PDB file of N, CA and C in Angstrom:
ATOM      1  N   UNK A   1      -9.185  13.160  -2.458  1.00  0.00           N
ATOM      2  CA  UNK A   1      -8.762  12.075  -3.304  1.00  0.00           C
ATOM      3  C   UNK A   1      -9.357  10.781  -2.752  1.00  0.00           C
ATOM      4  N   UNK A   2      -9.850   9.934  -3.644  1.00  0.00           N
ATOM      5  CA  UNK A   2     -10.350   8.613  -3.266  1.00  0.00           C
ATOM      6  C   UNK A   2      -9.165   7.661  -3.172  1.00  0.00           C
ATOM      7  N   UNK A   3      -9.087   6.919  -2.072  1.00  0.00           N
ATOM      8  CA  UNK A   3      -7.928   6.059  -1.838  1.00  0.00           C
ATOM      9  C   UNK A   3      -8.361   4.678  -1.360  1.00  0.00           C
ATOM     10  N   UNK A   4      -7.436   3.724  -1.517  1.00  0.00           N
ATOM     11  CA  UNK A   4      -7.587   2.390  -0.945  1.00  0.00           C
ATOM     12  C   UNK A   4      -6.535   2.244   0.144  1.00  0.00           C
ATOM     13  N   UNK A   5      -6.873   1.532   1.193  1.00  0.00           N
ATOM     14  CA  UNK A   5      -5.930   1.244   2.273  1.00  0.00           C
ATOM     15  C   UNK A   5      -5.475  -0.202   2.143  1.00  0.00           C
ATOM     16  N   UNK A   6      -4.173  -0.455   2.339  1.00  0.00           N
ATOM     17  CA  UNK A   6      -3.646  -1.815   2.313  1.00  0.00           C
ATOM     18  C   UNK A   6      -2.894  -2.068   3.612  1.00  0.00           C
ATOM     19  N   UNK A   7      -3.393  -3.026   4.395  1.00  0.00           N
ATOM     20  CA  UNK A   7      -2.767  -3.406   5.667  1.00  0.00           C
ATOM     21  C   UNK A   7      -2.354  -4.868   5.576  1.00  0.00           C
ATOM     22  N   UNK A   8      -1.145  -5.173   6.076  1.00  0.00           N
ATOM     23  CA  UNK A   8      -0.646  -6.538   5.992  1.00  0.00           C
ATOM     24  C   UNK A   8       0.250  -6.851   7.182  1.00  0.00           C
ATOM     25  N   UNK A   9       0.125  -8.073   7.673  1.00  0.00           N
ATOM     26  CA  UNK A   9       1.098  -8.647   8.605  1.00  0.00           C
ATOM     27  C   UNK A   9       1.444 -10.025   8.078  1.00  0.00           C
ATOM     28  N   UNK A  10       2.680 -10.469   8.342  1.00  0.00           N
ATOM     29  CA  UNK A  10       3.092 -11.760   7.803  1.00  0.00           C
ATOM     30  C   UNK A  10       2.983 -12.895   8.808  1.00  0.00           C
ATOM     31  N   UNK A  11       3.052 -12.582  10.097  1.00  0.00           N
ATOM     32  CA  UNK A  11       3.004 -13.639  11.111  1.00  0.00           C
ATOM     33  C   UNK A  11       2.123 -13.222  12.280  1.00  0.00           C
ATOM     34  N   UNK A  12       1.699 -14.203  13.049  1.00  0.00           N
ATOM     35  CA  UNK A  12       0.926 -13.922  14.256  1.00  0.00           C
ATOM     36  C   UNK A  12       1.766 -13.107  15.231  1.00  0.00           C
ATOM     37  N   UNK A  13       3.050 -13.453  15.346  1.00  0.00           N
ATOM     38  CA  UNK A  13       3.942 -12.714  16.246  1.00  0.00           C
ATOM     39  C   UNK A  13       4.019 -11.244  15.844  1.00  0.00           C
ATOM     40  N   UNK A  14       4.108 -11.002  14.544  1.00  0.00           N
ATOM     41  CA  UNK A  14       4.157  -9.622  14.064  1.00  0.00           C
ATOM     42  C   UNK A  14       2.859  -8.895  14.404  1.00  0.00           C
ATOM     43  N   UNK A  15       1.750  -9.579  14.251  1.00  0.00           N
ATOM     44  CA  UNK A  15       0.451  -8.963  14.544  1.00  0.00           C
ATOM     45  C   UNK A  15       0.319  -8.628  16.026  1.00  0.00           C
ATOM     46  N   UNK A  16       0.942  -9.448  16.876  1.00  0.00           N
ATOM     47  CA  UNK A  16       0.839  -9.228  18.317  1.00  0.00           C
ATOM     48  C   UNK A  16       1.891  -8.256  18.843  1.00  0.00           C
ATOM     49  N   UNK A  17       3.106  -8.290  18.277  1.00  0.00           N
ATOM     50  CA  UNK A  17       4.216  -7.510  18.820  1.00  0.00           C
ATOM     51  C   UNK A  17       4.533  -6.241  18.041  1.00  0.00           C
ATOM     52  N   UNK A  18       4.273  -6.241  16.776  1.00  0.00           N
ATOM     53  CA  UNK A  18       4.561  -5.068  15.961  1.00  0.00           C
ATOM     54  C   UNK A  18       3.273  -4.286  15.765  1.00  0.00           C
ATOM     55  N   UNK A  19       3.070  -3.788  14.606  1.00  0.00           N
ATOM     56  CA  UNK A  19       1.895  -2.995  14.303  1.00  0.00           C
ATOM     57  C   UNK A  19       0.802  -3.918  13.760  1.00  0.00           C
ATOM     58  N   UNK A  20      -0.240  -4.116  14.529  1.00  0.00           N
ATOM     59  CA  UNK A  20      -1.326  -5.007  14.120  1.00  0.00           C
ATOM     60  C   UNK A  20      -2.112  -4.390  12.971  1.00  0.00           C
ATOM     61  N   UNK A  21      -2.911  -5.206  12.328  1.00  0.00           N
ATOM     62  CA  UNK A  21      -3.762  -4.707  11.245  1.00  0.00           C
ATOM     63  C   UNK A  21      -4.712  -3.627  11.749  1.00  0.00           C
ATOM     64  N   UNK A  22      -5.404  -3.826  12.881  1.00  0.00           N
ATOM     65  CA  UNK A  22      -6.255  -2.733  13.365  1.00  0.00           C
ATOM     66  C   UNK A  22      -5.481  -1.434  13.616  1.00  0.00           C
ATOM     67  N   UNK A  23      -4.241  -1.542  14.128  1.00  0.00           N
ATOM     68  CA  UNK A  23      -3.423  -0.344  14.349  1.00  0.00           C
ATOM     69  C   UNK A  23      -3.052   0.328  13.027  1.00  0.00           C
ATOM     70  N   UNK A  24      -2.660  -0.476  12.047  1.00  0.00           N
ATOM     71  CA  UNK A  24      -2.327   0.082  10.732  1.00  0.00           C
ATOM     72  C   UNK A  24      -3.531   0.813  10.146  1.00  0.00           C
ATOM     73  N   UNK A  25      -4.697   0.154  10.175  1.00  0.00           N
ATOM     74  CA  UNK A  25      -5.903   0.762   9.602  1.00  0.00           C
ATOM     75  C   UNK A  25      -6.284   2.043  10.335  1.00  0.00           C
ATOM     76  N   UNK A  26      -6.202   2.026  11.658  1.00  0.00           N
ATOM     77  CA  UNK A  26      -6.534   3.219  12.437  1.00  0.00           C
ATOM     78  C   UNK A  26      -5.626   4.384  12.055  1.00  0.00           C
ATOM     79  N   UNK A  27      -4.331   4.120  12.000  1.00  0.00           N
ATOM     80  CA  UNK A  27      -3.387   5.189  11.663  1.00  0.00           C
ATOM     81  C   UNK A  27      -3.593   5.692  10.234  1.00  0.00           C
ATOM     82  N   UNK A  28      -3.869   4.785   9.309  1.00  0.00           N
ATOM     83  CA  UNK A  28      -4.099   5.208   7.925  1.00  0.00           C
ATOM     84  C   UNK A  28      -5.395   6.008   7.799  1.00  0.00           C
ATOM     85  N   UNK A  29      -6.445   5.581   8.493  1.00  0.00           N
ATOM     86  CA  UNK A  29      -7.707   6.346   8.462  1.00  0.00           C
ATOM     87  C   UNK A  29      -7.509   7.748   9.029  1.00  0.00           C
ATOM     88  N   UNK A  30      -6.777   7.842  10.146  1.00  0.00           N
ATOM     89  CA  UNK A  30      -6.505   9.156  10.748  1.00  0.00           C
ATOM     90  C   UNK A  30      -5.701  10.029   9.794  1.00  0.00           C
ATOM     91  N   UNK A  31      -4.699   9.451   9.149  1.00  0.00           N
ATOM     92  CA  UNK A  31      -3.876  10.191   8.192  1.00  0.00           C
ATOM     93  C   UNK A  31      -4.740  10.691   7.036  1.00  0.00           C
ATOM     94  N   UNK A  32      -5.614   9.839   6.531  1.00  0.00           N
ATOM     95  CA  UNK A  32      -6.510  10.232   5.436  1.00  0.00           C
ATOM     96  C   UNK A  32      -7.399  11.399   5.862  1.00  0.00           C
ATOM     97  N   UNK A  33      -7.934  11.321   7.055  1.00  0.00           N
ATOM     98  CA  UNK A  33      -8.808  12.389   7.551  1.00  0.00           C
ATOM     99  C   UNK A  33      -8.045  13.710   7.641  1.00  0.00           C
ATOM    100  N   UNK A  34      -6.830  13.669   8.196  1.00  0.00           N
ATOM    101  CA  UNK A  34      -6.012  14.884   8.321  1.00  0.00           C
ATOM    102  C   UNK A  34      -5.631  15.474   6.966  1.00  0.00           C
ATOM    103  N   UNK A  35      -5.507  14.610   5.953  1.00  0.00           N
ATOM    104  CA  UNK A  35      -5.033  15.052   4.647  1.00  0.00           C
ATOM    105  C   UNK A  35      -6.138  15.175   3.603  1.00  0.00           C
ATOM    106  N   UNK A  36      -7.391  15.034   4.030  1.00  0.00           N
ATOM    107  CA  UNK A  36      -8.517  15.249   3.135  1.00  0.00           C
ATOM    108  C   UNK A  36      -8.756  14.163   2.108  1.00  0.00           C
ATOM    109  N   UNK A  37      -8.357  12.931   2.418  1.00  0.00           N
ATOM    110  CA  UNK A  37      -8.564  11.811   1.500  1.00  0.00           C
ATOM    111  C   UNK A  37      -9.715  10.942   1.998  1.00  0.00           C
ATOM    112  N   UNK A  38     -10.389  10.280   1.070  1.00  0.00           N
ATOM    113  CA  UNK A  38     -11.534   9.444   1.408  1.00  0.00           C
ATOM    114  C   UNK A  38     -11.235   7.980   1.091  1.00  0.00           C
ATOM    115  N   UNK A  39     -11.090   7.127   2.110  1.00  0.00           N
ATOM    116  CA  UNK A  39     -10.907   5.693   1.849  1.00  0.00           C
ATOM    117  C   UNK A  39     -12.191   5.091   1.274  1.00  0.00           C
ATOM    118  N   UNK A  40     -12.073   4.445   0.126  1.00  0.00           N
ATOM    119  CA  UNK A  40     -13.226   3.807  -0.505  1.00  0.00           C
ATOM    120  C   UNK A  40     -13.113   2.288  -0.492  1.00  0.00           C
ATOM    121  N   UNK A  41     -11.944   1.780  -0.117  1.00  0.00           N
ATOM    122  CA  UNK A  41     -11.758   0.329  -0.033  1.00  0.00           C
ATOM    123  C   UNK A  41     -10.621   0.041   0.935  1.00  0.00           C
ATOM    124  N   UNK A  42     -10.765  -1.055   1.689  1.00  0.00           N
ATOM    125  CA  UNK A  42      -9.708  -1.512   2.585  1.00  0.00           C
ATOM    126  C   UNK A  42      -9.335  -2.930   2.195  1.00  0.00           C
ATOM    127  N   UNK A  43      -8.072  -3.120   1.862  1.00  0.00           N
ATOM    128  CA  UNK A  43      -7.543  -4.436   1.531  1.00  0.00           C
ATOM    129  C   UNK A  43      -6.723  -4.898   2.730  1.00  0.00           C
ATOM    130  N   UNK A  44      -7.086  -6.043   3.305  1.00  0.00           N
ATOM    131  CA  UNK A  44      -6.448  -6.536   4.525  1.00  0.00           C
ATOM    132  C   UNK A  44      -5.908  -7.933   4.269  1.00  0.00           C
ATOM    133  N   UNK A  45      -4.613  -8.113   4.551  1.00  0.00           N
ATOM    134  CA  UNK A  45      -3.956  -9.391   4.292  1.00  0.00           C
ATOM    135  C   UNK A  45      -3.226  -9.856   5.544  1.00  0.00           C
ATOM    136  N   UNK A  46      -3.665 -10.970   6.098  1.00  0.00           N
ATOM    137  CA  UNK A  46      -3.033 -11.549   7.289  1.00  0.00           C
ATOM    138  C   UNK A  46      -2.220 -12.767   6.888  1.00  0.00           C
ATOM    139  N   UNK A  47      -1.081 -12.933   7.522  1.00  0.00           N
ATOM    140  CA  UNK A  47      -0.277 -14.130   7.308  1.00  0.00           C
ATOM    141  C   UNK A  47       0.320 -14.231   5.929  1.00  0.00           C
ATOM    142  N   UNK A  48       0.673 -13.099   5.316  1.00  0.00           N
ATOM    143  CA  UNK A  48       1.238 -13.106   3.973  1.00  0.00           C
ATOM    144  C   UNK A  48       2.554 -12.340   3.964  1.00  0.00           C
ATOM    145  N   UNK A  49       3.600 -12.996   3.491  1.00  0.00           N
ATOM    146  CA  UNK A  49       4.901 -12.347   3.383  1.00  0.00           C
ATOM    147  C   UNK A  49       4.912 -11.397   2.191  1.00  0.00           C
ATOM    148  N   UNK A  50       5.664 -10.324   2.308  1.00  0.00           N
ATOM    149  CA  UNK A  50       5.769  -9.355   1.211  1.00  0.00           C
ATOM    150  C   UNK A  50       6.987  -9.621   0.341  1.00  0.00           C
ATOM    151  N   UNK A  51       7.549 -10.831   0.430  1.00  0.00           N
ATOM    152  CA  UNK A  51       8.721 -11.138  -0.384  1.00  0.00           C
ATOM    153  C   UNK A  51       8.356 -11.621  -1.776  1.00  0.00           C
ATOM    154  N   UNK A  52       7.096 -11.962  -2.004  1.00  0.00           N
ATOM    155  CA  UNK A  52       6.659 -12.335  -3.351  1.00  0.00           C
ATOM    156  C   UNK A  52       5.237 -11.840  -3.571  1.00  0.00           C
ATOM    157  N   UNK A  53       4.729 -12.088  -4.776  1.00  0.00           N
ATOM    158  CA  UNK A  53       3.396 -11.566  -5.113  1.00  0.00           C
ATOM    159  C   UNK A  53       2.297 -12.620  -4.993  1.00  0.00           C
ATOM    160  N   UNK A  54       2.577 -13.720  -4.341  1.00  0.00           N
ATOM    161  CA  UNK A  54       1.573 -14.776  -4.156  1.00  0.00           C
ATOM    162  C   UNK A  54       0.690 -14.444  -2.954  1.00  0.00           C
ATOM    163  N   UNK A  55       0.023 -13.294  -3.060  1.00  0.00           N
ATOM    164  CA  UNK A  55      -0.858 -12.802  -2.010  1.00  0.00           C
ATOM    165  C   UNK A  55      -2.192 -12.473  -2.657  1.00  0.00           C
ATOM    166  N   UNK A  56      -3.231 -13.253  -2.362  1.00  0.00           N
ATOM    167  CA  UNK A  56      -4.526 -13.055  -3.026  1.00  0.00           C
ATOM    168  C   UNK A  56      -5.092 -11.646  -2.873  1.00  0.00           C
ATOM    169  N   UNK A  57      -5.018 -11.080  -1.684  1.00  0.00           N
ATOM    170  CA  UNK A  57      -5.587  -9.748  -1.469  1.00  0.00           C
ATOM    171  C   UNK A  57      -4.748  -8.702  -2.208  1.00  0.00           C
ATOM    172  N   UNK A  58      -3.435  -8.861  -2.201  1.00  0.00           N
ATOM    173  CA  UNK A  58      -2.557  -7.956  -2.940  1.00  0.00           C
ATOM    174  C   UNK A  58      -2.922  -7.980  -4.423  1.00  0.00           C
ATOM    175  N   UNK A  59      -3.087  -9.182  -4.977  1.00  0.00           N
ATOM    176  CA  UNK A  59      -3.438  -9.307  -6.397  1.00  0.00           C
ATOM    177  C   UNK A  59      -4.807  -8.691  -6.685  1.00  0.00           C
ATOM    178  N   UNK A  60      -5.753  -8.868  -5.777  1.00  0.00           N
ATOM    179  CA  UNK A  60      -7.079  -8.249  -5.922  1.00  0.00           C
ATOM    180  C   UNK A  60      -6.952  -6.723  -5.948  1.00  0.00           C
ATOM    181  N   UNK A  61      -6.102  -6.186  -5.075  1.00  0.00           N
ATOM    182  CA  UNK A  61      -5.895  -4.740  -5.009  1.00  0.00           C
ATOM    183  C   UNK A  61      -5.264  -4.222  -6.302  1.00  0.00           C
ATOM    184  N   UNK A  62      -4.245  -4.908  -6.804  1.00  0.00           N
ATOM    185  CA  UNK A  62      -3.591  -4.486  -8.045  1.00  0.00           C
ATOM    186  C   UNK A  62      -4.577  -4.559  -9.207  1.00  0.00           C
ATOM    187  N   UNK A  63      -5.380  -5.614  -9.255  1.00  0.00           N
ATOM    188  CA  UNK A  63      -6.387  -5.732 -10.321  1.00  0.00           C
ATOM    189  C   UNK A  63      -7.371  -4.568 -10.258  1.00  0.00           C
ATOM    190  N   UNK A  64      -7.821  -4.229  -9.063  1.00  0.00           N
ATOM    191  CA  UNK A  64      -8.748  -3.100  -8.910  1.00  0.00           C
ATOM    192  C   UNK A  64      -8.073  -1.798  -9.320  1.00  0.00           C
ATOM    193  N   UNK A  65      -6.796  -1.654  -9.002  1.00  0.00           N
ATOM    194  CA  UNK A  65      -6.066  -0.432  -9.307  1.00  0.00           C
ATOM    195  C   UNK A  65      -5.688  -0.269 -10.762  1.00  0.00           C
ATOM    196  N   UNK A  66      -5.919  -1.307 -11.558  1.00  0.00           N
ATOM    197  CA  UNK A  66      -5.595  -1.216 -12.983  1.00  0.00           C
ATOM    198  C   UNK A  66      -6.825  -1.384 -13.865  1.00  0.00           C
ATOM    199  N   UNK A  67      -8.011  -1.498 -13.252  1.00  0.00           N
ATOM    200  CA  UNK A  67      -9.225  -1.610 -14.063  1.00  0.00           C
ATOM    201  C   UNK A  67      -9.677  -0.224 -14.510  1.00  0.00           C
ATOM    202  N   UNK A  68     -10.540  -0.199 -15.488  1.00  0.00           N
ATOM    203  CA  UNK A  68     -11.084   1.073 -15.990  1.00  0.00           C
ATOM    204  C   UNK A  68     -12.579   1.090 -15.757  1.00  0.00           C
ATOM    205  N   UNK A  69     -13.144   2.113 -15.162  1.00  0.00           N
ATOM    206  CA  UNK A  69     -12.415   3.220 -14.550  1.00  0.00           C
ATOM    207  C   UNK A  69     -11.787   2.786 -13.233  1.00  0.00           C
ATOM    208  N   UNK A  70     -10.697   3.439 -12.896  1.00  0.00           N
ATOM    209  CA  UNK A  70      -9.980   3.129 -11.654  1.00  0.00           C
ATOM    210  C   UNK A  70     -10.821   3.622 -10.477  1.00  0.00           C
ATOM    211  N   UNK A  71     -11.101   2.746  -9.486  1.00  0.00           N
ATOM    212  CA  UNK A  71     -11.972   3.134  -8.371  1.00  0.00           C
ATOM    213  C   UNK A  71     -11.305   4.007  -7.302  1.00  0.00           C
ATOM    214  N   UNK A  72      -9.980   4.157  -7.363  1.00  0.00           N
ATOM    215  CA  UNK A  72      -9.263   4.982  -6.390  1.00  0.00           C
ATOM    216  C   UNK A  72      -8.020   5.554  -7.059  1.00  0.00           C
ATOM    217  N   UNK A  73      -7.512   6.646  -6.480  1.00  0.00           N
ATOM    218  CA  UNK A  73      -6.374   7.357  -7.070  1.00  0.00           C
ATOM    219  C   UNK A  73      -5.046   7.037  -6.399  1.00  0.00           C
ATOM    220  N   UNK A  74      -5.100   6.407  -5.238  1.00  0.00           N
ATOM    221  CA  UNK A  74      -3.873   6.071  -4.517  1.00  0.00           C
ATOM    222  C   UNK A  74      -4.121   4.872  -3.617  1.00  0.00           C
ATOM    223  N   UNK A  75      -3.040   4.153  -3.350  1.00  0.00           N
ATOM    224  CA  UNK A  75      -3.047   3.079  -2.356  1.00  0.00           C
ATOM    225  C   UNK A  75      -2.212   3.587  -1.188  1.00  0.00           C
ATOM    226  N   UNK A  76      -2.824   3.594  -0.015  1.00  0.00           N
ATOM    227  CA  UNK A  76      -2.168   4.078   1.193  1.00  0.00           C
ATOM    228  C   UNK A  76      -1.683   2.872   1.993  1.00  0.00           C
ATOM    229  N   UNK A  77      -0.418   2.897   2.394  1.00  0.00           N
ATOM    230  CA  UNK A  77       0.159   1.853   3.242  1.00  0.00           C
ATOM    231  C   UNK A  77       0.765   2.512   4.473  1.00  0.00           C
ATOM    232  N   UNK A  78       0.885   1.747   5.549  1.00  0.00           N
ATOM    233  CA  UNK A  78       1.528   2.288   6.751  1.00  0.00           C
ATOM    234  C   UNK A  78       3.001   2.547   6.462  1.00  0.00           C
ATOM    235  N   UNK A  79       3.670   1.549   5.926  1.00  0.00           N
ATOM    236  CA  UNK A  79       5.068   1.697   5.517  1.00  0.00           C
ATOM    237  C   UNK A  79       5.258   0.916   4.222  1.00  0.00           C
ATOM    238  N   UNK A  80       6.294   1.251   3.480  1.00  0.00           N
ATOM    239  CA  UNK A  80       6.497   0.625   2.177  1.00  0.00           C
ATOM    240  C   UNK A  80       6.728  -0.877   2.288  1.00  0.00           C
ATOM    241  N   UNK A  81       7.231  -1.349   3.427  1.00  0.00           N
ATOM    242  CA  UNK A  81       7.441  -2.787   3.604  1.00  0.00           C
ATOM    243  C   UNK A  81       6.119  -3.552   3.649  1.00  0.00           C
ATOM    244  N   UNK A  82       5.021  -2.864   3.908  1.00  0.00           N
ATOM    245  CA  UNK A  82       3.707  -3.520   3.869  1.00  0.00           C
ATOM    246  C   UNK A  82       3.335  -3.847   2.424  1.00  0.00           C
ATOM    247  N   UNK A  83       3.810  -3.039   1.464  1.00  0.00           N
ATOM    248  CA  UNK A  83       3.509  -3.234   0.045  1.00  0.00           C
ATOM    249  C   UNK A  83       4.379  -4.348  -0.534  1.00  0.00           C
ATOM    250  N   UNK A  84       5.695  -4.218  -0.404  1.00  0.00           N
ATOM    251  CA  UNK A  84       6.622  -5.214  -0.945  1.00  0.00           C
ATOM    252  C   UNK A  84       7.974  -5.081  -0.286  1.00  0.00           C
ATOM    253  N   UNK A  85       8.671  -6.209  -0.116  1.00  0.00           N
ATOM    254  CA  UNK A  85      10.030  -6.190   0.422  1.00  0.00           C
ATOM    255  C   UNK A  85      11.065  -6.460  -0.672  1.00  0.00           C
ATOM    256  N   UNK A  86      10.647  -6.978  -1.805  1.00  0.00           N
ATOM    257  CA  UNK A  86      11.547  -7.256  -2.920  1.00  0.00           C
ATOM    258  C   UNK A  86      11.578  -6.034  -3.841  1.00  0.00           C
ATOM    259  N   UNK A  87      12.755  -5.451  -4.037  1.00  0.00           N
ATOM    260  CA  UNK A  87      12.885  -4.205  -4.782  1.00  0.00           C
ATOM    261  C   UNK A  87      12.356  -4.313  -6.208  1.00  0.00           C
ATOM    262  N   UNK A  88      12.771  -5.336  -6.940  1.00  0.00           N
ATOM    263  CA  UNK A  88      12.343  -5.464  -8.339  1.00  0.00           C
ATOM    264  C   UNK A  88      10.828  -5.599  -8.438  1.00  0.00           C
ATOM    265  N   UNK A  89      10.240  -6.406  -7.581  1.00  0.00           N
ATOM    266  CA  UNK A  89       8.784  -6.585  -7.597  1.00  0.00           C
ATOM    267  C   UNK A  89       8.076  -5.301  -7.176  1.00  0.00           C
ATOM    268  N   UNK A  90       8.621  -4.604  -6.183  1.00  0.00           N
ATOM    269  CA  UNK A  90       8.012  -3.344  -5.731  1.00  0.00           C
ATOM    270  C   UNK A  90       7.965  -2.340  -6.868  1.00  0.00           C
ATOM    271  N   UNK A  91       9.077  -2.192  -7.577  1.00  0.00           N
ATOM    272  CA  UNK A  91       9.139  -1.255  -8.702  1.00  0.00           C
ATOM    273  C   UNK A  91       8.163  -1.681  -9.793  1.00  0.00           C
ATOM    274  N   UNK A  92       8.127  -2.974 -10.112  1.00  0.00           N
ATOM    275  CA  UNK A  92       7.219  -3.479 -11.146  1.00  0.00           C
ATOM    276  C   UNK A  92       5.768  -3.121 -10.830  1.00  0.00           C
ATOM    277  N   UNK A  93       5.325  -3.440  -9.614  1.00  0.00           N
ATOM    278  CA  UNK A  93       3.918  -3.206  -9.265  1.00  0.00           C
ATOM    279  C   UNK A  93       3.604  -1.721  -9.092  1.00  0.00           C
ATOM    280  N   UNK A  94       4.540  -0.967  -8.546  1.00  0.00           N
ATOM    281  CA  UNK A  94       4.285   0.470  -8.411  1.00  0.00           C
ATOM    282  C   UNK A  94       4.140   1.116  -9.787  1.00  0.00           C
ATOM    283  N   UNK A  95       4.998   0.748 -10.734  1.00  0.00           N
ATOM    284  CA  UNK A  95       4.903   1.306 -12.090  1.00  0.00           C
ATOM    285  C   UNK A  95       3.626   0.848 -12.789  1.00  0.00           C
ATOM    286  N   UNK A  96       3.247  -0.397 -12.568  1.00  0.00           N
ATOM    287  CA  UNK A  96       2.000  -0.902 -13.158  1.00  0.00           C
ATOM    288  C   UNK A  96       0.812  -0.067 -12.677  1.00  0.00           C
ATOM    289  N   UNK A  97       0.765   0.196 -11.387  1.00  0.00           N
ATOM    290  CA  UNK A  97      -0.309   1.019 -10.828  1.00  0.00           C
ATOM    291  C   UNK A  97      -0.212   2.460 -11.321  1.00  0.00           C
ATOM    292  N   UNK A  98       1.007   2.996 -11.384  1.00  0.00           N
ATOM    293  CA  UNK A  98       1.207   4.373 -11.858  1.00  0.00           C
ATOM    294  C   UNK A  98       0.696   4.559 -13.283  1.00  0.00           C
ATOM    295  N   UNK A  99       0.868   3.546 -14.137  1.00  0.00           N
ATOM    296  CA  UNK A  99       0.375   3.635 -15.522  1.00  0.00           C
ATOM    297  C   UNK A  99      -1.135   3.804 -15.567  1.00  0.00           C
ATOM    298  N   UNK A 100      -1.827   3.361 -14.529  1.00  0.00           N
ATOM    299  CA  UNK A 100      -3.283   3.530 -14.440  1.00  0.00           C
ATOM    300  C   UNK A 100      -3.652   4.785 -13.661  1.00  0.00           C
ATOM    301  N   UNK A 101      -2.640   5.546 -13.250  1.00  0.00           N
ATOM    302  CA  UNK A 101      -2.897   6.780 -12.511  1.00  0.00           C
ATOM    303  C   UNK A 101      -3.021   6.598 -11.014  1.00  0.00           C
ATOM    304  N   UNK A 102      -2.623   5.431 -10.502  1.00  0.00           N
ATOM    305  CA  UNK A 102      -2.726   5.138  -9.066  1.00  0.00           C
ATOM    306  C   UNK A 102      -1.350   5.294  -8.423  1.00  0.00           C
ATOM    307  N   UNK A 103      -1.274   6.133  -7.396  1.00  0.00           N
ATOM    308  CA  UNK A 103      -0.026   6.371  -6.670  1.00  0.00           C
ATOM    309  C   UNK A 103       0.062   5.448  -5.459  1.00  0.00           C
ATOM    310  N   UNK A 104       1.277   5.197  -5.013  1.00  0.00           N
ATOM    311  CA  UNK A 104       1.537   4.466  -3.777  1.00  0.00           C
ATOM    312  C   UNK A 104       2.021   5.479  -2.750  1.00  0.00           C
ATOM    313  N   UNK A 105       1.354   5.522  -1.583  1.00  0.00           N
ATOM    314  CA  UNK A 105       1.682   6.511  -0.557  1.00  0.00           C
ATOM    315  C   UNK A 105       1.869   5.808   0.782  1.00  0.00           C
ATOM    316  N   UNK A 106       3.013   6.056   1.413  1.00  0.00           N
ATOM    317  CA  UNK A 106       3.271   5.560   2.765  1.00  0.00           C
ATOM    318  C   UNK A 106       3.021   6.693   3.748  1.00  0.00           C
ATOM    319  N   UNK A 107       2.302   6.398   4.815  1.00  0.00           N
ATOM    320  CA  UNK A 107       2.023   7.451   5.798  1.00  0.00           C
ATOM    321  C   UNK A 107       3.210   7.708   6.715  1.00  0.00           C
ATOM    322  N   UNK A 108       4.198   6.811   6.742  1.00  0.00           N
ATOM    323  CA  UNK A 108       5.350   6.980   7.627  1.00  0.00           C
ATOM    324  C   UNK A 108       6.643   7.265   6.873  1.00  0.00           C
ATOM    325  N   UNK A 109       6.622   7.144   5.558  1.00  0.00           N
ATOM    326  CA  UNK A 109       7.818   7.364   4.742  1.00  0.00           C
ATOM    327  C   UNK A 109       7.437   8.268   3.569  1.00  0.00           C
ATOM    328  N   UNK A 110       7.301   9.545   3.844  1.00  0.00           N
ATOM    329  CA  UNK A 110       6.887  10.501   2.824  1.00  0.00           C
ATOM    330  C   UNK A 110       8.001  10.695   1.797  1.00  0.00           C
ATOM    331  N   UNK A 111       7.643  10.622   0.503  1.00  0.00           N
ATOM    332  CA  UNK A 111       8.598  10.853  -0.582  1.00  0.00           C
ATOM    333  C   UNK A 111       7.927  11.679  -1.673  1.00  0.00           C
ATOM    334  N   UNK A 112       8.750  12.194  -2.578  1.00  0.00           N
ATOM    335  CA  UNK A 112       8.245  12.935  -3.732  1.00  0.00           C
ATOM    336  C   UNK A 112       7.876  11.972  -4.850  1.00  0.00           C
ATOM    337  N   UNK A 113       7.181  12.479  -5.864  1.00  0.00           N
ATOM    338  CA  UNK A 113       6.816  11.662  -7.021  1.00  0.00           C
ATOM    339  C   UNK A 113       7.863  11.717  -8.128  1.00  0.00           C
ATOM    340  N   UNK A 114       8.945  12.455  -7.921  1.00  0.00           N
ATOM    341  CA  UNK A 114       9.973  12.568  -8.953  1.00  0.00           C
ATOM    342  C   UNK A 114      10.908  11.350  -8.897  1.00  0.00           C
ATOM    343  N   UNK A 115      11.848  11.224  -9.859  1.00  0.00           N
ATOM    344  CA  UNK A 115      12.746  10.061  -9.877  1.00  0.00           C
ATOM    345  C   UNK A 115      13.542   9.869  -8.590  1.00  0.00           C
ATOM    346  N   UNK A 116      13.968  10.961  -7.937  1.00  0.00           N
ATOM    347  CA  UNK A 116      14.718  10.802  -6.686  1.00  0.00           C
ATOM    348  C   UNK A 116      13.825  10.241  -5.584  1.00  0.00           C
ATOM    349  N   UNK A 117      12.549  10.629  -5.575  1.00  0.00           N
ATOM    350  CA  UNK A 117      11.605  10.085  -4.607  1.00  0.00           C
ATOM    351  C   UNK A 117      11.361   8.611  -4.835  1.00  0.00           C
ATOM    352  N   UNK A 118      11.270   8.222  -6.116  1.00  0.00           N
ATOM    353  CA  UNK A 118      11.085   6.802  -6.444  1.00  0.00           C
ATOM    354  C   UNK A 118      12.294   6.001  -5.981  1.00  0.00           C
ATOM    355  N   UNK A 119      13.492   6.521  -6.224  1.00  0.00           N
ATOM    356  CA  UNK A 119      14.706   5.843  -5.778  1.00  0.00           C
ATOM    357  C   UNK A 119      14.708   5.692  -4.261  1.00  0.00           C
ATOM    358  N   UNK A 120      14.378   6.755  -3.533  1.00  0.00           N
ATOM    359  CA  UNK A 120      14.353   6.721  -2.072  1.00  0.00           C
ATOM    360  C   UNK A 120      13.356   5.685  -1.560  1.00  0.00           C
ATOM    361  N   UNK A 121      12.183   5.579  -2.195  1.00  0.00           N
ATOM    362  CA  UNK A 121      11.164   4.627  -1.748  1.00  0.00           C
ATOM    363  C   UNK A 121      11.679   3.200  -1.777  1.00  0.00           C
ATOM    364  N   UNK A 122      12.641   2.927  -2.650  1.00  0.00           N
ATOM    365  CA  UNK A 122      13.073   1.545  -2.836  1.00  0.00           C
ATOM    366  C   UNK A 122      14.455   1.253  -2.265  1.00  0.00           C
ATOM    367  N   UNK A 123      14.969   2.160  -1.449  1.00  0.00           N
ATOM    368  CA  UNK A 123      16.261   1.902  -0.789  1.00  0.00           C
ATOM    369  C   UNK A 123      16.069   0.988   0.392  1.00  0.00           C
TER     370      UNK A 123
END
């Protein structure tokens, strides 16, 4: 499967003390290799909070994921909090991408694609 990787940190402290962007990308690339997926694009966002959608790289990724033809089949994130922290916005953007056939996949929070999996992703 062709996939895009999305890595994000919101603060310098987070980048230094938590999971840095290089660490996120490394882990996602390794996960893709183990699972037979091919990263075709990497979207990297530094210094951007996931509490709203005012993130240029995030918007670029969503635009790419909804264009025709779609250049990738899934967006891979380290954890769902890298995608969005606001539940309503997370559901909105995930459904928007799903309508174009693009799935959201967390390498650390595996869920199903059924309604119960969607509910779990947003708890």
